[in-house]
Protein backbone atom coordinates (compact mmCIF):
# COMPACT_ATOMS: atom_id res chain seq x y z
CA MET A 1 65.46 78.26 188.51
CA SER A 2 68.47 78.57 189.46
CA GLY A 3 72.58 78.30 188.54
CA PRO A 4 75.11 76.10 189.86
CA ILE A 5 73.99 76.11 193.50
CA GLY A 6 76.78 74.27 194.35
CA ASP A 7 79.32 76.76 193.68
CA ARG A 8 80.51 77.94 196.84
CA ARG A 9 82.64 81.03 195.56
CA ILE A 10 79.83 82.56 195.59
CA ASP A 11 79.95 85.28 197.58
CA ALA A 12 77.47 88.59 196.86
CA VAL A 13 74.20 88.80 195.64
CA VAL A 14 72.38 91.54 193.10
CA TRP A 15 68.98 91.74 193.18
CA ASP A 16 66.60 93.25 190.84
CA ILE A 17 63.65 95.72 192.85
CA GLY A 18 60.27 95.33 190.89
CA HIS A 19 58.52 92.24 191.74
CA VAL A 20 61.09 91.06 193.84
CA LEU A 21 61.43 94.02 195.72
CA VAL A 22 58.83 95.58 195.47
CA GLN A 23 55.29 95.46 194.14
CA TRP A 24 54.22 97.37 190.80
CA SER A 25 51.12 97.77 188.93
CA ILE A 26 50.18 100.82 186.71
CA ARG A 27 46.65 99.58 187.70
CA SER A 28 47.36 99.98 191.35
CA LEU A 29 46.90 104.07 190.19
CA TYR A 30 44.20 104.14 188.01
CA GLU A 31 41.60 101.50 189.26
CA LYS A 32 41.23 104.83 191.82
CA LEU A 33 40.45 107.26 189.13
CA ILE A 34 38.72 105.36 186.32
CA ASP A 35 35.40 103.47 187.75
CA ASP A 36 34.33 101.42 185.07
CA PRO A 37 36.15 97.99 184.45
CA ALA A 38 36.36 97.85 180.65
CA GLN A 39 37.30 101.67 180.11
CA LEU A 40 40.18 101.25 182.85
CA ASP A 41 41.71 98.18 180.68
CA TRP A 42 41.08 99.68 177.75
CA PHE A 43 43.01 102.97 179.13
CA LEU A 44 45.71 100.94 180.27
CA ASP A 45 45.92 98.76 177.09
CA ASN A 46 46.35 101.54 174.69
CA VAL A 47 46.78 104.91 176.59
CA VAL A 48 49.18 104.54 179.59
CA THR A 49 50.88 101.50 179.33
CA VAL A 50 53.80 99.08 180.35
CA PRO A 51 55.52 99.19 177.07
CA TRP A 52 55.21 103.19 177.30
CA HIS A 53 56.37 103.46 180.83
CA PHE A 54 59.47 100.88 179.78
CA ARG A 55 60.57 104.24 177.67
CA HIS A 56 60.88 106.00 180.80
CA ASP A 57 63.47 102.90 182.16
CA ALA A 58 65.02 103.18 179.17
CA GLY A 59 66.26 106.75 179.55
CA GLU A 60 63.63 109.09 178.08
CA PRO A 61 62.02 111.40 180.84
CA LEU A 62 58.78 111.34 182.27
CA ALA A 63 57.36 114.94 181.59
CA ASP A 64 58.14 114.28 177.47
CA LEU A 65 56.52 110.99 177.38
CA ILE A 66 53.72 112.62 178.99
CA ALA A 67 53.41 115.45 176.53
CA GLU A 68 53.69 113.14 173.88
CA LYS A 69 50.82 110.48 175.52
CA VAL A 70 48.34 113.71 175.62
CA ALA A 71 48.96 115.29 172.19
CA GLU A 72 48.02 111.58 171.42
CA TYR A 73 44.82 111.41 173.72
CA PRO A 74 44.16 114.68 174.42
CA GLN A 75 40.47 113.47 175.78
CA TYR A 76 42.77 111.79 178.79
CA ARG A 77 44.62 114.60 179.70
CA ASP A 78 43.80 114.87 183.09
CA LEU A 79 44.25 110.71 183.45
CA ILE A 80 47.67 111.21 181.42
CA GLU A 81 49.06 114.37 183.47
CA ALA A 82 48.26 112.12 187.08
CA TYR A 83 50.94 109.59 186.25
CA GLY A 84 53.99 111.77 187.04
CA PRO A 85 53.33 113.29 190.40
CA ARG A 86 51.11 110.11 191.48
CA TRP A 87 53.24 107.41 190.51
CA LEU A 88 54.26 106.10 193.66
CA GLU A 89 50.75 104.89 193.62
CA THR A 90 51.32 102.74 191.10
CA VAL A 91 53.97 100.68 194.34
CA PRO A 92 51.09 99.10 195.85
CA GLY A 93 53.85 97.82 198.78
CA PRO A 94 57.09 95.89 199.59
CA ILE A 95 57.73 92.19 199.29
CA PRO A 96 58.27 91.69 202.70
CA GLU A 97 59.80 88.42 202.67
CA THR A 98 62.83 89.49 200.80
CA HIS A 99 63.41 92.17 203.09
CA VAL A 100 64.01 89.69 205.64
CA LEU A 101 66.68 88.01 203.52
CA ILE A 102 68.23 91.13 202.85
CA ARG A 103 68.46 91.90 206.79
CA ALA A 104 69.37 88.53 207.31
CA LEU A 105 72.57 89.01 204.58
CA ALA A 106 73.12 92.08 205.96
CA THR A 107 73.83 90.72 209.27
CA ARG A 108 76.24 88.37 208.14
CA GLY A 109 78.32 90.69 205.86
CA VAL A 110 77.08 89.34 202.78
CA PRO A 111 77.76 92.12 200.13
CA GLN A 112 74.51 93.31 198.10
CA TYR A 113 73.78 95.41 194.82
CA ALA A 114 71.10 95.69 192.60
CA ILE A 115 70.15 95.83 189.29
CA THR A 116 66.98 98.09 188.40
CA ASN A 117 64.75 98.85 185.68
CA PHE A 118 64.31 102.28 186.66
CA GLY A 119 62.88 105.76 185.14
CA ALA A 120 65.34 108.30 186.61
CA ASP A 121 62.36 110.68 187.71
CA THR A 122 60.47 107.97 189.36
CA TRP A 123 63.86 106.67 191.12
CA ALA A 124 64.09 110.24 192.10
CA MET A 125 60.50 109.60 193.90
CA PHE A 126 60.73 106.43 195.12
CA ARG A 127 64.02 106.02 196.24
CA PRO A 128 63.77 107.90 199.57
CA THR A 129 60.28 105.96 200.19
CA PHE A 130 62.41 102.65 200.52
CA PRO A 131 65.17 102.45 202.66
CA VAL A 132 65.83 98.53 202.67
CA LEU A 133 68.00 99.68 199.70
CA ASP A 134 70.52 101.15 202.05
CA HIS A 135 72.01 98.17 202.32
CA MET A 136 72.46 98.15 199.11
CA ILE A 137 76.93 98.97 198.00
CA ASP A 138 75.84 100.00 194.50
CA ILE A 139 72.97 100.15 192.35
CA VAL A 140 72.75 100.24 188.88
CA VAL A 141 69.65 101.70 187.42
CA SER A 142 68.60 101.76 183.91
CA GLY A 143 67.24 105.30 183.58
CA PRO A 144 70.23 107.30 183.73
CA GLU A 145 72.62 104.82 181.91
CA LYS A 146 70.21 104.74 178.89
CA LEU A 147 70.67 100.97 179.00
CA SER A 148 67.90 98.77 180.42
CA LYS A 149 67.48 95.12 180.86
CA PRO A 150 68.25 92.63 179.42
CA ASP A 151 70.96 94.12 176.91
CA PRO A 152 73.83 92.39 177.88
CA ALA A 153 75.31 96.12 178.41
CA ILE A 154 73.95 96.90 181.84
CA PHE A 155 75.23 93.26 183.54
CA ARG A 156 79.05 94.06 182.50
CA LEU A 157 78.09 97.91 183.72
CA ALA A 158 77.37 96.29 186.31
CA ALA A 159 80.15 93.76 186.87
CA THR A 160 82.39 96.50 186.23
CA ARG A 161 80.91 98.71 188.76
CA PHE A 162 80.92 96.19 191.72
CA GLY A 163 84.21 95.36 191.12
CA ARG A 164 83.26 91.48 190.94
CA ALA A 165 83.01 88.58 188.51
CA PRO A 166 79.70 87.44 187.37
CA GLU A 167 80.66 83.98 188.84
CA ARG A 168 81.16 85.28 192.37
CA MET A 169 77.48 86.26 192.14
CA LEU A 170 73.95 85.41 192.49
CA PHE A 171 71.58 87.54 190.43
CA ILE A 172 67.54 87.20 191.62
CA ASP A 173 65.37 88.66 188.71
CA ASP A 174 61.32 87.94 188.46
CA ASN A 175 62.06 88.07 184.17
CA PRO A 176 62.86 85.24 182.32
CA ALA A 177 64.64 87.32 179.78
CA ASN A 178 67.01 89.32 182.20
CA VAL A 179 67.80 85.94 184.13
CA ALA A 180 68.36 84.06 181.06
CA THR A 181 70.89 87.27 179.41
CA ALA A 182 72.30 87.05 182.94
CA ARG A 183 72.72 83.45 182.74
CA ALA A 184 74.64 83.82 179.18
CA LEU A 185 76.72 86.26 180.82
CA GLY A 186 78.26 83.20 183.31
CA TRP A 187 76.29 84.91 186.47
CA ASN A 188 74.61 82.52 188.91
CA VAL A 189 71.19 83.34 188.44
CA HIS A 190 67.96 82.50 190.76
CA HIS A 191 64.58 83.09 188.93
CA PHE A 192 62.31 84.86 191.29
CA LEU A 193 58.30 83.62 190.88
CA GLY A 194 57.76 84.65 194.16
CA ASP A 195 58.76 82.02 196.45
CA ALA A 196 60.84 83.52 199.14
CA GLU A 197 61.25 80.61 200.55
CA ALA A 198 62.70 78.79 197.78
CA LEU A 199 65.33 81.46 196.87
CA GLU A 200 66.25 81.10 200.92
CA VAL A 201 66.67 77.36 200.71
CA GLU A 202 69.19 78.22 197.95
CA MET A 203 71.27 81.13 199.70
CA ARG A 204 71.73 78.31 202.55
CA GLY A 205 72.74 75.99 199.99
CA LEU A 206 75.01 78.23 198.59
CA GLY A 207 76.76 79.16 202.36
CA LEU A 208 75.06 82.75 201.92
CA LEU A 209 72.88 82.47 204.76
């Protein structure tokens, strides 16, 4: 699951956000708007889809994506246009167990950062609602950079911005492709599978906690 757990040189932690610090699901919004389960599944598979949203994470403005999708599916205009103002409803809640670890690391003075795939527009909505990120010294956000994980370039940018060598940092992410890229670039990695206890054990083994 992890990188070289005996490496005591690791002295900073870099977090992913979605599915590590916070839950995220487009379904969480649209299950409120579409009653029929079959129609809901079709809509999420064909209209407002995860790959479509990821284009926003990669740098495309949300308004442009919504306009494009409305032109393609005008019969669903109201549902598609709801995605912008109601986007925060795709975030059903935090993952509190990892927040406990963030606060524990902060108490010990461990430098913390984040690399996240997040569009600029949705980040502007989300960031003020998530004060646990105040513990991060810096956060590399894919949308403004027009670079997204697992592109190696975003990891290189992050290492430069953070001013730290990859081998001195523990990177935590739920996506295996992101973990694999980071590992190939020399980062110490933890593939987060929803088990905050296992992550805590690793951090203690590294002397971070």
